[in-house]
Amino acid sequence: MLHVPGDVREAIAFYGRAFGATPAWSTPPAEDMVAQLRIEGAEFWLHPASDAIGNPAPKQTGGTAVRLMLIVDDPDALFDQAVSAGAVVRSPMQDRDYGWRDGSIVDIYGHRWEIGKPL
């Protein structure tokens, strides 16, 4: 579950622009809205960040201890799409000597994503 500051509906819109994520399920819109999204069959959840219940967003803690890996058919296109939506490049998309093509970005909420596929 990714903790995002502010309105979860805004995060749903961002992940739609960045990764083509589509909503799969959500609670009714409210301050504590929870949503499930899909990216090319991979599912993840969004929840409002909250210090009160121990769910801070990465930018509230100064970083994240988690990297999410998206394995997709066209990692270059998805990488470029995420950057166009506001994600910041950590590592450019490239062929790696360990047999993968991948790159790394940080989304607007501070979550780290690796996007790639085996060569």
PDB file of N, CA and C in Angstrom:
ATOM      1  N   MET A   1       0.851  -1.166   0.000  1.00  0.00           N
ATOM      2  CA  MET A   1       0.000   0.000   0.000  1.00  0.00           C
ATOM      3  C   MET A   1       0.901   1.234   0.000  1.00  0.00           C
ATOM      4  N   LEU A   2       0.640   2.151  -0.924  1.00  0.00           N
ATOM      5  CA  LEU A   2       1.390   3.398  -0.986  1.00  0.00           C
ATOM      6  C   LEU A   2       0.628   4.472  -0.223  1.00  0.00           C
ATOM      7  N   HIS A   3       1.330   5.139   0.669  1.00  0.00           N
ATOM      8  CA  HIS A   3       0.711   6.234   1.423  1.00  0.00           C
ATOM      9  C   HIS A   3       0.998   7.538   0.689  1.00  0.00           C
ATOM     10  N   VAL A   4      -0.073   8.273   0.399  1.00  0.00           N
ATOM     11  CA  VAL A   4       0.045   9.513  -0.363  1.00  0.00           C
ATOM     12  C   VAL A   4      -0.566  10.665   0.423  1.00  0.00           C
ATOM     13  N   PRO A   5       0.099  11.819   0.420  1.00  0.00           N
ATOM     14  CA  PRO A   5      -0.477  12.964   1.106  1.00  0.00           C
ATOM     15  C   PRO A   5      -1.628  13.550   0.292  1.00  0.00           C
ATOM     16  N   GLY A   6      -2.562  14.156   0.973  1.00  0.00           N
ATOM     17  CA  GLY A   6      -3.654  14.830   0.271  1.00  0.00           C
ATOM     18  C   GLY A   6      -4.744  13.892  -0.188  1.00  0.00           C
ATOM     19  N   ASP A   7      -5.420  14.298  -1.218  1.00  0.00           N
ATOM     20  CA  ASP A   7      -6.593  13.612  -1.743  1.00  0.00           C
ATOM     21  C   ASP A   7      -6.187  12.394  -2.575  1.00  0.00           C
ATOM     22  N   VAL A   8      -6.666  11.220  -2.213  1.00  0.00           N
ATOM     23  CA  VAL A   8      -6.348   9.993  -2.947  1.00  0.00           C
ATOM     24  C   VAL A   8      -6.813  10.099  -4.397  1.00  0.00           C
ATOM     25  N   ARG A   9      -7.891  10.843  -4.659  1.00  0.00           N
ATOM     26  CA  ARG A   9      -8.357  10.999  -6.044  1.00  0.00           C
ATOM     27  C   ARG A   9      -7.294  11.664  -6.909  1.00  0.00           C
ATOM     28  N   GLU A  10      -6.527  12.602  -6.343  1.00  0.00           N
ATOM     29  CA  GLU A  10      -5.437  13.233  -7.093  1.00  0.00           C
ATOM     30  C   GLU A  10      -4.332  12.222  -7.387  1.00  0.00           C
ATOM     31  N   ALA A  11      -4.057  11.336  -6.432  1.00  0.00           N
ATOM     32  CA  ALA A  11      -3.045  10.300  -6.651  1.00  0.00           C
ATOM     33  C   ALA A  11      -3.505   9.311  -7.719  1.00  0.00           C
ATOM     34  N   ILE A  12      -4.780   8.962  -7.716  1.00  0.00           N
ATOM     35  CA  ILE A  12      -5.325   8.088  -8.756  1.00  0.00           C
ATOM     36  C   ILE A  12      -5.098   8.720 -10.128  1.00  0.00           C
ATOM     37  N   ALA A  13      -5.365  10.014 -10.236  1.00  0.00           N
ATOM     38  CA  ALA A  13      -5.171  10.720 -11.506  1.00  0.00           C
ATOM     39  C   ALA A  13      -3.695  10.738 -11.904  1.00  0.00           C
ATOM     40  N   PHE A  14      -2.799  10.994 -10.938  1.00  0.00           N
ATOM     41  CA  PHE A  14      -1.367  11.006 -11.248  1.00  0.00           C
ATOM     42  C   PHE A  14      -0.913   9.644 -11.754  1.00  0.00           C
ATOM     43  N   TYR A  15      -1.236   8.574 -11.046  1.00  0.00           N
ATOM     44  CA  TYR A  15      -0.785   7.244 -11.461  1.00  0.00           C
ATOM     45  C   TYR A  15      -1.424   6.824 -12.790  1.00  0.00           C
ATOM     46  N   GLY A  16      -2.591   7.357 -13.093  1.00  0.00           N
ATOM     47  CA  GLY A  16      -3.177   7.138 -14.413  1.00  0.00           C
ATOM     48  C   GLY A  16      -2.337   7.793 -15.496  1.00  0.00           C
ATOM     49  N   ARG A  17      -1.927   9.042 -15.271  1.00  0.00           N
ATOM     50  CA  ARG A  17      -1.092   9.750 -16.249  1.00  0.00           C
ATOM     51  C   ARG A  17       0.308   9.135 -16.342  1.00  0.00           C
ATOM     52  N   ALA A  18       0.886   8.804 -15.185  1.00  0.00           N
ATOM     53  CA  ALA A  18       2.272   8.344 -15.147  1.00  0.00           C
ATOM     54  C   ALA A  18       2.450   6.921 -15.669  1.00  0.00           C
ATOM     55  N   PHE A  19       1.540   6.022 -15.292  1.00  0.00           N
ATOM     56  CA  PHE A  19       1.724   4.612 -15.600  1.00  0.00           C
ATOM     57  C   PHE A  19       0.558   3.979 -16.354  1.00  0.00           C
ATOM     58  N   GLY A  20      -0.470   4.765 -16.669  1.00  0.00           N
ATOM     59  CA  GLY A  20      -1.651   4.172 -17.280  1.00  0.00           C
ATOM     60  C   GLY A  20      -2.446   3.331 -16.292  1.00  0.00           C
ATOM     61  N   ALA A  21      -2.260   3.593 -14.992  1.00  0.00           N
ATOM     62  CA  ALA A  21      -2.963   2.829 -13.956  1.00  0.00           C
ATOM     63  C   ALA A  21      -4.464   3.071 -14.064  1.00  0.00           C
ATOM     64  N   THR A  22      -5.208   1.997 -13.855  1.00  0.00           N
ATOM     65  CA  THR A  22      -6.671   2.099 -13.878  1.00  0.00           C
ATOM     66  C   THR A  22      -7.228   1.677 -12.529  1.00  0.00           C
ATOM     67  N   PRO A  23      -8.268   2.369 -12.062  1.00  0.00           N
ATOM     68  CA  PRO A  23      -8.879   1.992 -10.789  1.00  0.00           C
ATOM     69  C   PRO A  23      -9.546   0.621 -10.886  1.00  0.00           C
ATOM     70  N   ALA A  24      -9.337  -0.199  -9.869  1.00  0.00           N
ATOM     71  CA  ALA A  24      -9.968  -1.514  -9.795  1.00  0.00           C
ATOM     72  C   ALA A  24     -11.053  -1.531  -8.727  1.00  0.00           C
ATOM     73  N   TRP A  25     -10.845  -0.740  -7.666  1.00  0.00           N
ATOM     74  CA  TRP A  25     -11.792  -0.708  -6.546  1.00  0.00           C
ATOM     75  C   TRP A  25     -11.444   0.484  -5.683  1.00  0.00           C
ATOM     76  N   SER A  26     -12.438   1.038  -5.002  1.00  0.00           N
ATOM     77  CA  SER A  26     -12.163   2.079  -4.015  1.00  0.00           C
ATOM     78  C   SER A  26     -13.329   2.204  -3.050  1.00  0.00           C
ATOM     79  N   THR A  27     -13.011   2.751  -1.910  1.00  0.00           N
ATOM     80  CA  THR A  27     -14.061   3.142  -0.981  1.00  0.00           C
ATOM     81  C   THR A  27     -14.665   4.429  -1.530  1.00  0.00           C
ATOM     82  N   PRO A  28     -15.806   4.864  -1.015  1.00  0.00           N
ATOM     83  CA  PRO A  28     -16.350   6.146  -1.472  1.00  0.00           C
ATOM     84  C   PRO A  28     -15.363   7.278  -1.172  1.00  0.00           C
ATOM     85  N   PRO A  29     -15.323   8.302  -2.037  1.00  0.00           N
ATOM     86  CA  PRO A  29     -14.422   9.434  -1.790  1.00  0.00           C
ATOM     87  C   PRO A  29     -14.683  10.045  -0.414  1.00  0.00           C
ATOM     88  N   ALA A  30     -13.632  10.152   0.351  1.00  0.00           N
ATOM     89  CA  ALA A  30     -13.681  10.739   1.687  1.00  0.00           C
ATOM     90  C   ALA A  30     -12.250  11.017   2.111  1.00  0.00           C
ATOM     91  N   GLU A  31     -12.083  11.592   3.276  1.00  0.00           N
ATOM     92  CA  GLU A  31     -10.757  11.896   3.795  1.00  0.00           C
ATOM     93  C   GLU A  31      -9.886  10.653   3.924  1.00  0.00           C
ATOM     94  N   ASP A  32     -10.509   9.507   4.207  1.00  0.00           N
ATOM     95  CA  ASP A  32      -9.757   8.267   4.403  1.00  0.00           C
ATOM     96  C   ASP A  32      -9.982   7.269   3.263  1.00  0.00           C
ATOM     97  N   MET A  33     -10.182   7.786   2.060  1.00  0.00           N
ATOM     98  CA  MET A  33     -10.426   6.949   0.882  1.00  0.00           C
ATOM     99  C   MET A  33      -9.255   6.000   0.622  1.00  0.00           C
ATOM    100  N   VAL A  34      -9.554   4.765   0.284  1.00  0.00           N
ATOM    101  CA  VAL A  34      -8.574   3.754  -0.099  1.00  0.00           C
ATOM    102  C   VAL A  34      -8.916   3.312  -1.513  1.00  0.00           C
ATOM    103  N   ALA A  35      -7.885   3.099  -2.342  1.00  0.00           N
ATOM    104  CA  ALA A  35      -8.129   2.696  -3.722  1.00  0.00           C
ATOM    105  C   ALA A  35      -7.148   1.614  -4.155  1.00  0.00           C
ATOM    106  N   GLN A  36      -7.624   0.736  -4.999  1.00  0.00           N
ATOM    107  CA  GLN A  36      -6.810  -0.304  -5.615  1.00  0.00           C
ATOM    108  C   GLN A  36      -6.658   0.057  -7.091  1.00  0.00           C
ATOM    109  N   LEU A  37      -5.414   0.047  -7.592  1.00  0.00           N
ATOM    110  CA  LEU A  37      -5.138   0.375  -8.990  1.00  0.00           C
ATOM    111  C   LEU A  37      -4.430  -0.790  -9.664  1.00  0.00           C
ATOM    112  N   ARG A  38      -4.502  -0.805 -11.011  1.00  0.00           N
ATOM    113  CA  ARG A  38      -3.822  -1.833 -11.806  1.00  0.00           C
ATOM    114  C   ARG A  38      -2.965  -1.167 -12.877  1.00  0.00           C
ATOM    115  N   ILE A  39      -1.767  -1.736 -13.053  1.00  0.00           N
ATOM    116  CA  ILE A  39      -0.866  -1.334 -14.139  1.00  0.00           C
ATOM    117  C   ILE A  39      -0.486  -2.611 -14.875  1.00  0.00           C
ATOM    118  N   GLU A  40      -0.981  -2.783 -16.082  1.00  0.00           N
ATOM    119  CA  GLU A  40      -0.685  -3.966 -16.893  1.00  0.00           C
ATOM    120  C   GLU A  40      -0.815  -5.257 -16.076  1.00  0.00           C
ATOM    121  N   GLY A  41      -1.862  -5.361 -15.294  1.00  0.00           N
ATOM    122  CA  GLY A  41      -2.127  -6.565 -14.508  1.00  0.00           C
ATOM    123  C   GLY A  41      -1.560  -6.539 -13.100  1.00  0.00           C
ATOM    124  N   ALA A  42      -0.584  -5.692 -12.822  1.00  0.00           N
ATOM    125  CA  ALA A  42      -0.034  -5.566 -11.465  1.00  0.00           C
ATOM    126  C   ALA A  42      -0.959  -4.674 -10.643  1.00  0.00           C
ATOM    127  N   GLU A  43      -1.204  -5.073  -9.410  1.00  0.00           N
ATOM    128  CA  GLU A  43      -2.109  -4.311  -8.548  1.00  0.00           C
ATOM    129  C   GLU A  43      -1.350  -3.685  -7.385  1.00  0.00           C
ATOM    130  N   PHE A  44      -1.789  -2.494  -7.004  1.00  0.00           N
ATOM    131  CA  PHE A  44      -1.274  -1.847  -5.801  1.00  0.00           C
ATOM    132  C   PHE A  44      -2.382  -0.983  -5.214  1.00  0.00           C
ATOM    133  N   TRP A  45      -2.173  -0.576  -3.988  1.00  0.00           N
ATOM    134  CA  TRP A  45      -3.198   0.163  -3.244  1.00  0.00           C
ATOM    135  C   TRP A  45      -2.680   1.530  -2.834  1.00  0.00           C
ATOM    136  N   LEU A  46      -3.601   2.468  -2.720  1.00  0.00           N
ATOM    137  CA  LEU A  46      -3.307   3.812  -2.220  1.00  0.00           C
ATOM    138  C   LEU A  46      -4.093   4.053  -0.943  1.00  0.00           C
ATOM    139  N   HIS A  47      -3.473   4.756  -0.016  1.00  0.00           N
ATOM    140  CA  HIS A  47      -4.113   5.110   1.249  1.00  0.00           C
ATOM    141  C   HIS A  47      -3.607   6.489   1.645  1.00  0.00           C
ATOM    142  N   PRO A  48      -4.438   7.313   2.257  1.00  0.00           N
ATOM    143  CA  PRO A  48      -3.953   8.623   2.683  1.00  0.00           C
ATOM    144  C   PRO A  48      -2.824   8.491   3.712  1.00  0.00           C
ATOM    145  N   ALA A  49      -1.790   9.287   3.536  1.00  0.00           N
ATOM    146  CA  ALA A  49      -0.717   9.330   4.528  1.00  0.00           C
ATOM    147  C   ALA A  49      -1.287   9.903   5.825  1.00  0.00           C
ATOM    148  N   SER A  50      -0.805   9.368   6.945  1.00  0.00           N
ATOM    149  CA  SER A  50      -1.281   9.838   8.244  1.00  0.00           C
ATOM    150  C   SER A  50      -0.242   9.549   9.309  1.00  0.00           C
ATOM    151  N   ASP A  51       0.340  10.597   9.873  1.00  0.00           N
ATOM    152  CA  ASP A  51       1.263  10.416  10.988  1.00  0.00           C
ATOM    153  C   ASP A  51       0.536   9.844  12.199  1.00  0.00           C
ATOM    154  N   ALA A  52      -0.734  10.221  12.368  1.00  0.00           N
ATOM    155  CA  ALA A  52      -1.504   9.808  13.545  1.00  0.00           C
ATOM    156  C   ALA A  52      -1.638   8.291  13.651  1.00  0.00           C
ATOM    157  N   ILE A  53      -1.701   7.591  12.494  1.00  0.00           N
ATOM    158  CA  ILE A  53      -1.834   6.134  12.550  1.00  0.00           C
ATOM    159  C   ILE A  53      -0.573   5.427  12.045  1.00  0.00           C
ATOM    160  N   GLY A  54       0.527   6.177  11.940  1.00  0.00           N
ATOM    161  CA  GLY A  54       1.805   5.580  11.576  1.00  0.00           C
ATOM    162  C   GLY A  54       1.971   5.248  10.111  1.00  0.00           C
ATOM    163  N   ASN A  55       1.322   6.001   9.230  1.00  0.00           N
ATOM    164  CA  ASN A  55       1.418   5.783   7.791  1.00  0.00           C
ATOM    165  C   ASN A  55       1.911   7.050   7.087  1.00  0.00           C
ATOM    166  N   PRO A  56       3.177   7.404   7.282  1.00  0.00           N
ATOM    167  CA  PRO A  56       3.670   8.621   6.627  1.00  0.00           C
ATOM    168  C   PRO A  56       3.969   8.381   5.149  1.00  0.00           C
ATOM    169  N   ALA A  57       3.935   9.437   4.372  1.00  0.00           N
ATOM    170  CA  ALA A  57       4.370   9.388   2.974  1.00  0.00           C
ATOM    171  C   ALA A  57       5.892   9.514   2.957  1.00  0.00           C
ATOM    172  N   PRO A  58       6.568   9.009   1.920  1.00  0.00           N
ATOM    173  CA  PRO A  58       8.033   9.070   1.878  1.00  0.00           C
ATOM    174  C   PRO A  58       8.602  10.467   2.088  1.00  0.00           C
ATOM    175  N   LYS A  59       7.981  11.479   1.518  1.00  0.00           N
ATOM    176  CA  LYS A  59       8.517  12.832   1.660  1.00  0.00           C
ATOM    177  C   LYS A  59       8.417  13.331   3.097  1.00  0.00           C
ATOM    178  N   GLN A  60       7.517  12.746   3.894  1.00  0.00           N
ATOM    179  CA  GLN A  60       7.398  13.128   5.305  1.00  0.00           C
ATOM    180  C   GLN A  60       8.520  12.532   6.143  1.00  0.00           C
ATOM    181  N   THR A  61       9.119  11.452   5.675  1.00  0.00           N
ATOM    182  CA  THR A  61      10.175  10.776   6.432  1.00  0.00           C
ATOM    183  C   THR A  61      11.559  11.002   5.839  1.00  0.00           C
ATOM    184  N   GLY A  62      11.615  11.709   4.716  1.00  0.00           N
ATOM    185  CA  GLY A  62      12.892  11.985   4.082  1.00  0.00           C
ATOM    186  C   GLY A  62      13.349  10.907   3.113  1.00  0.00           C
ATOM    187  N   GLY A  63      12.473   9.969   2.773  1.00  0.00           N
ATOM    188  CA  GLY A  63      12.835   8.939   1.813  1.00  0.00           C
ATOM    189  C   GLY A  63      11.982   7.703   1.995  1.00  0.00           C
ATOM    190  N   THR A  64      12.340   6.659   1.298  1.00  0.00           N
ATOM    191  CA  THR A  64      11.597   5.406   1.387  1.00  0.00           C
ATOM    192  C   THR A  64      12.562   4.238   1.467  1.00  0.00           C
ATOM    193  N   ALA A  65      12.151   3.179   2.110  1.00  0.00           N
ATOM    194  CA  ALA A  65      12.965   1.973   2.212  1.00  0.00           C
ATOM    195  C   ALA A  65      12.529   0.931   1.188  1.00  0.00           C
ATOM    196  N   VAL A  66      11.615   1.309   0.292  1.00  0.00           N
ATOM    197  CA  VAL A  66      11.020   0.349  -0.640  1.00  0.00           C
ATOM    198  C   VAL A  66      11.200   0.834  -2.074  1.00  0.00           C
ATOM    199  N   ARG A  67      11.534  -0.119  -2.971  1.00  0.00           N
ATOM    200  CA  ARG A  67      11.511   0.145  -4.406  1.00  0.00           C
ATOM    201  C   ARG A  67      10.472  -0.779  -5.007  1.00  0.00           C
ATOM    202  N   LEU A  68       9.606  -0.222  -5.832  1.00  0.00           N
ATOM    203  CA  LEU A  68       8.608  -1.027  -6.532  1.00  0.00           C
ATOM    204  C   LEU A  68       9.145  -1.334  -7.920  1.00  0.00           C
ATOM    205  N   MET A  69       8.992  -2.579  -8.367  1.00  0.00           N
ATOM    206  CA  MET A  69       9.490  -2.978  -9.686  1.00  0.00           C
ATOM    207  C   MET A  69       8.321  -3.281 -10.594  1.00  0.00           C
ATOM    208  N   LEU A  70       8.250  -2.568 -11.719  1.00  0.00           N
ATOM    209  CA  LEU A  70       7.256  -2.841 -12.746  1.00  0.00           C
ATOM    210  C   LEU A  70       7.936  -3.520 -13.916  1.00  0.00           C
ATOM    211  N   ILE A  71       7.523  -4.718 -14.215  1.00  0.00           N
ATOM    212  CA  ILE A  71       8.043  -5.455 -15.359  1.00  0.00           C
ATOM    213  C   ILE A  71       6.982  -5.361 -16.447  1.00  0.00           C
ATOM    214  N   VAL A  72       7.317  -4.670 -17.539  1.00  0.00           N
ATOM    215  CA  VAL A  72       6.351  -4.396 -18.602  1.00  0.00           C
ATOM    216  C   VAL A  72       6.957  -4.708 -19.966  1.00  0.00           C
ATOM    217  N   ASP A  73       6.091  -4.837 -20.965  1.00  0.00           N
ATOM    218  CA  ASP A  73       6.543  -5.150 -22.321  1.00  0.00           C
ATOM    219  C   ASP A  73       7.384  -4.040 -22.931  1.00  0.00           C
ATOM    220  N   ASP A  74       7.007  -2.776 -22.673  1.00  0.00           N
ATOM    221  CA  ASP A  74       7.717  -1.634 -23.263  1.00  0.00           C
ATOM    222  C   ASP A  74       8.154  -0.675 -22.151  1.00  0.00           C
ATOM    223  N   PRO A  75       9.246  -1.015 -21.449  1.00  0.00           N
ATOM    224  CA  PRO A  75       9.657  -0.182 -20.324  1.00  0.00           C
ATOM    225  C   PRO A  75      10.058   1.234 -20.725  1.00  0.00           C
ATOM    226  N   ASP A  76      10.617   1.391 -21.915  1.00  0.00           N
ATOM    227  CA  ASP A  76      11.018   2.737 -22.352  1.00  0.00           C
ATOM    228  C   ASP A  76       9.815   3.670 -22.439  1.00  0.00           C
ATOM    229  N   ALA A  77       8.728   3.189 -23.030  1.00  0.00           N
ATOM    230  CA  ALA A  77       7.535   4.019 -23.184  1.00  0.00           C
ATOM    231  C   ALA A  77       6.939   4.379 -21.822  1.00  0.00           C
ATOM    232  N   LEU A  78       6.855   3.402 -20.919  1.00  0.00           N
ATOM    233  CA  LEU A  78       6.277   3.675 -19.605  1.00  0.00           C
ATOM    234  C   LEU A  78       7.168   4.605 -18.788  1.00  0.00           C
ATOM    235  N   PHE A  79       8.472   4.423 -18.890  1.00  0.00           N
ATOM    236  CA  PHE A  79       9.430   5.294 -18.218  1.00  0.00           C
ATOM    237  C   PHE A  79       9.246   6.741 -18.683  1.00  0.00           C
ATOM    238  N   ASP A  80       9.220   6.940 -19.990  1.00  0.00           N
ATOM    239  CA  ASP A  80       9.042   8.287 -20.553  1.00  0.00           C
ATOM    240  C   ASP A  80       7.701   8.886 -20.145  1.00  0.00           C
ATOM    241  N   GLN A  81       6.664   8.063 -20.116  1.00  0.00           N
ATOM    242  CA  GLN A  81       5.333   8.525 -19.717  1.00  0.00           C
ATOM    243  C   GLN A  81       5.348   9.002 -18.270  1.00  0.00           C
ATOM    244  N   ALA A  82       6.001   8.252 -17.394  1.00  0.00           N
ATOM    245  CA  ALA A  82       6.080   8.633 -15.980  1.00  0.00           C
ATOM    246  C   ALA A  82       6.847   9.941 -15.805  1.00  0.00           C
ATOM    247  N   VAL A  83       7.942  10.099 -16.522  1.00  0.00           N
ATOM    248  CA  VAL A  83       8.730  11.331 -16.447  1.00  0.00           C
ATOM    249  C   VAL A  83       7.902  12.510 -16.963  1.00  0.00           C
ATOM    250  N   SER A  84       7.171  12.309 -18.042  1.00  0.00           N
ATOM    251  CA  SER A  84       6.314  13.379 -18.585  1.00  0.00           C
ATOM    252  C   SER A  84       5.233  13.789 -17.590  1.00  0.00           C
ATOM    253  N   ALA A  85       4.812  12.848 -16.733  1.00  0.00           N
ATOM    254  CA  ALA A  85       3.772  13.137 -15.742  1.00  0.00           C
ATOM    255  C   ALA A  85       4.335  13.789 -14.482  1.00  0.00           C
ATOM    256  N   GLY A  86       5.670  13.911 -14.379  1.00  0.00           N
ATOM    257  CA  GLY A  86       6.254  14.598 -13.231  1.00  0.00           C
ATOM    258  C   GLY A  86       7.227  13.783 -12.406  1.00  0.00           C
ATOM    259  N   ALA A  87       7.428  12.503 -12.737  1.00  0.00           N
ATOM    260  CA  ALA A  87       8.401  11.693 -12.005  1.00  0.00           C
ATOM    261  C   ALA A  87       9.814  12.183 -12.316  1.00  0.00           C
ATOM    262  N   VAL A  88      10.728  11.961 -11.375  1.00  0.00           N
ATOM    263  CA  VAL A  88      12.113  12.394 -11.518  1.00  0.00           C
ATOM    264  C   VAL A  88      12.995  11.168 -11.771  1.00  0.00           C
ATOM    265  N   VAL A  89      13.891  11.292 -12.739  1.00  0.00           N
ATOM    266  CA  VAL A  89      14.791  10.186 -13.091  1.00  0.00           C
ATOM    267  C   VAL A  89      15.863  10.023 -12.010  1.00  0.00           C
ATOM    268  N   ARG A  90      16.002   8.795 -11.496  1.00  0.00           N
ATOM    269  CA  ARG A  90      17.101   8.426 -10.592  1.00  0.00           C
ATOM    270  C   ARG A  90      18.206   7.749 -11.391  1.00  0.00           C
ATOM    271  N   SER A  91      17.796   6.878 -12.300  1.00  0.00           N
ATOM    272  CA  SER A  91      18.734   6.149 -13.144  1.00  0.00           C
ATOM    273  C   SER A  91      18.089   6.014 -14.517  1.00  0.00           C
ATOM    274  N   PRO A  92      18.776   6.437 -15.576  1.00  0.00           N
ATOM    275  CA  PRO A  92      18.158   6.387 -16.899  1.00  0.00           C
ATOM    276  C   PRO A  92      17.905   4.954 -17.369  1.00  0.00           C
ATOM    277  N   MET A  93      16.991   4.811 -18.281  1.00  0.00           N
ATOM    278  CA  MET A  93      16.678   3.517 -18.883  1.00  0.00           C
ATOM    279  C   MET A  93      17.889   3.063 -19.687  1.00  0.00           C
ATOM    280  N   GLN A  94      18.356   1.839 -19.420  1.00  0.00           N
ATOM    281  CA  GLN A  94      19.506   1.312 -20.155  1.00  0.00           C
ATOM    282  C   GLN A  94      19.580  -0.202 -20.042  1.00  0.00           C
ATOM    283  N   ASP A  95      20.313  -0.807 -20.976  1.00  0.00           N
ATOM    284  CA  ASP A  95      20.585  -2.240 -20.910  1.00  0.00           C
ATOM    285  C   ASP A  95      21.646  -2.450 -19.839  1.00  0.00           C
ATOM    286  N   ARG A  96      21.413  -3.425 -18.965  1.00  0.00           N
ATOM    287  CA  ARG A  96      22.332  -3.698 -17.857  1.00  0.00           C
ATOM    288  C   ARG A  96      23.123  -4.969 -18.144  1.00  0.00           C
ATOM    289  N   ASP A  97      24.309  -5.056 -17.586  1.00  0.00           N
ATOM    290  CA  ASP A  97      25.142  -6.238 -17.815  1.00  0.00           C
ATOM    291  C   ASP A  97      24.598  -7.481 -17.126  1.00  0.00           C
ATOM    292  N   TYR A  98      23.602  -7.327 -16.276  1.00  0.00           N
ATOM    293  CA  TYR A  98      22.996  -8.492 -15.626  1.00  0.00           C
ATOM    294  C   TYR A  98      21.764  -8.994 -16.380  1.00  0.00           C
ATOM    295  N   GLY A  99      21.560  -8.503 -17.622  1.00  0.00           N
ATOM    296  CA  GLY A  99      20.525  -9.068 -18.482  1.00  0.00           C
ATOM    297  C   GLY A  99      19.163  -8.407 -18.412  1.00  0.00           C
ATOM    298  N   TRP A 100      19.105  -7.189 -17.935  1.00  0.00           N
ATOM    299  CA  TRP A 100      17.839  -6.449 -17.861  1.00  0.00           C
ATOM    300  C   TRP A 100      17.977  -5.117 -18.564  1.00  0.00           C
ATOM    301  N   ARG A 101      16.858  -4.606 -19.037  1.00  0.00           N
ATOM    302  CA  ARG A 101      16.752  -3.209 -19.466  1.00  0.00           C
ATOM    303  C   ARG A 101      15.869  -2.564 -18.429  1.00  0.00           C
ATOM    304  N   ASP A 102      16.390  -1.560 -17.736  1.00  0.00           N
ATOM    305  CA  ASP A 102      15.586  -0.906 -16.701  1.00  0.00           C
ATOM    306  C   ASP A 102      16.076   0.500 -16.419  1.00  0.00           C
ATOM    307  N   GLY A 103      15.247   1.211 -15.696  1.00  0.00           N
ATOM    308  CA  GLY A 103      15.555   2.550 -15.233  1.00  0.00           C
ATOM    309  C   GLY A 103      14.791   2.793 -13.951  1.00  0.00           C
ATOM    310  N   SER A 104      15.150   3.854 -13.252  1.00  0.00           N
ATOM    311  CA  SER A 104      14.550   4.144 -11.952  1.00  0.00           C
ATOM    312  C   SER A 104      14.051   5.583 -11.899  1.00  0.00           C
ATOM    313  N   ILE A 105      12.861   5.744 -11.322  1.00  0.00           N
ATOM    314  CA  ILE A 105      12.282   7.081 -11.138  1.00  0.00           C
ATOM    315  C   ILE A 105      11.761   7.214  -9.710  1.00  0.00           C
ATOM    316  N   VAL A 106      11.524   8.455  -9.313  1.00  0.00           N
ATOM    317  CA  VAL A 106      10.847   8.750  -8.055  1.00  0.00           C
ATOM    318  C   VAL A 106       9.585   9.517  -8.428  1.00  0.00           C
ATOM    319  N   ASP A 107       8.435   9.029  -7.965  1.00  0.00           N
ATOM    320  CA  ASP A 107       7.191   9.704  -8.321  1.00  0.00           C
ATOM    321  C   ASP A 107       6.994  10.977  -7.491  1.00  0.00           C
ATOM    322  N   ILE A 108       5.949  11.719  -7.763  1.00  0.00           N
ATOM    323  CA  ILE A 108       5.733  13.011  -7.114  1.00  0.00           C
ATOM    324  C   ILE A 108       5.477  12.903  -5.620  1.00  0.00           C
ATOM    325  N   TYR A 109       5.221  11.691  -5.127  1.00  0.00           N
ATOM    326  CA  TYR A 109       4.984  11.479  -3.699  1.00  0.00           C
ATOM    327  C   TYR A 109       6.218  10.946  -2.976  1.00  0.00           C
ATOM    328  N   GLY A 110       7.293  10.671  -3.731  1.00  0.00           N
ATOM    329  CA  GLY A 110       8.522  10.173  -3.136  1.00  0.00           C
ATOM    330  C   GLY A 110       8.700   8.672  -3.209  1.00  0.00           C
ATOM    331  N   HIS A 111       7.791   7.954  -3.872  1.00  0.00           N
ATOM    332  CA  HIS A 111       7.916   6.506  -4.017  1.00  0.00           C
ATOM    333  C   HIS A 111       8.878   6.189  -5.163  1.00  0.00           C
ATOM    334  N   ARG A 112       9.783   5.210  -4.932  1.00  0.00           N
ATOM    335  CA  ARG A 112      10.762   4.802  -5.951  1.00  0.00           C
ATOM    336  C   ARG A 112      10.214   3.655  -6.779  1.00  0.00           C
ATOM    337  N   TRP A 113      10.375   3.765  -8.092  1.00  0.00           N
ATOM    338  CA  TRP A 113       9.908   2.749  -9.040  1.00  0.00           C
ATOM    339  C   TRP A 113      11.058   2.351  -9.946  1.00  0.00           C
ATOM    340  N   GLU A 114      11.229   1.061 -10.145  1.00  0.00           N
ATOM    341  CA  GLU A 114      12.113   0.515 -11.165  1.00  0.00           C
ATOM    342  C   GLU A 114      11.172   0.035 -12.280  1.00  0.00           C
ATOM    343  N   ILE A 115      11.490   0.378 -13.514  1.00  0.00           N
ATOM    344  CA  ILE A 115      10.674  -0.035 -14.649  1.00  0.00           C
ATOM    345  C   ILE A 115      11.598  -0.781 -15.601  1.00  0.00           C
ATOM    346  N   GLY A 116      11.227  -1.987 -15.981  1.00  0.00           N
ATOM    347  CA  GLY A 116      12.118  -2.734 -16.848  1.00  0.00           C
ATOM    348  C   GLY A 116      11.547  -4.037 -17.345  1.00  0.00           C
ATOM    349  N   LYS A 117      12.457  -4.816 -17.966  1.00  0.00           N
ATOM    350  CA  LYS A 117      12.124  -6.162 -18.431  1.00  0.00           C
ATOM    351  C   LYS A 117      13.439  -6.909 -18.667  1.00  0.00           C
ATOM    352  N   PRO A 118      13.371  -8.245 -18.609  1.00  0.00           N
ATOM    353  CA  PRO A 118      14.573  -9.018 -18.938  1.00  0.00           C
ATOM    354  C   PRO A 118      14.878  -8.895 -20.428  1.00  0.00           C
ATOM    355  N   LEU A 119      16.152  -8.911 -20.759  1.00  0.00           N
ATOM    356  CA  LEU A 119      16.547  -8.853 -22.174  1.00  0.00           C
ATOM    357  C   LEU A 119      16.511 -10.230 -22.802  1.00  0.00           C
TER     358      LEU A 119
END
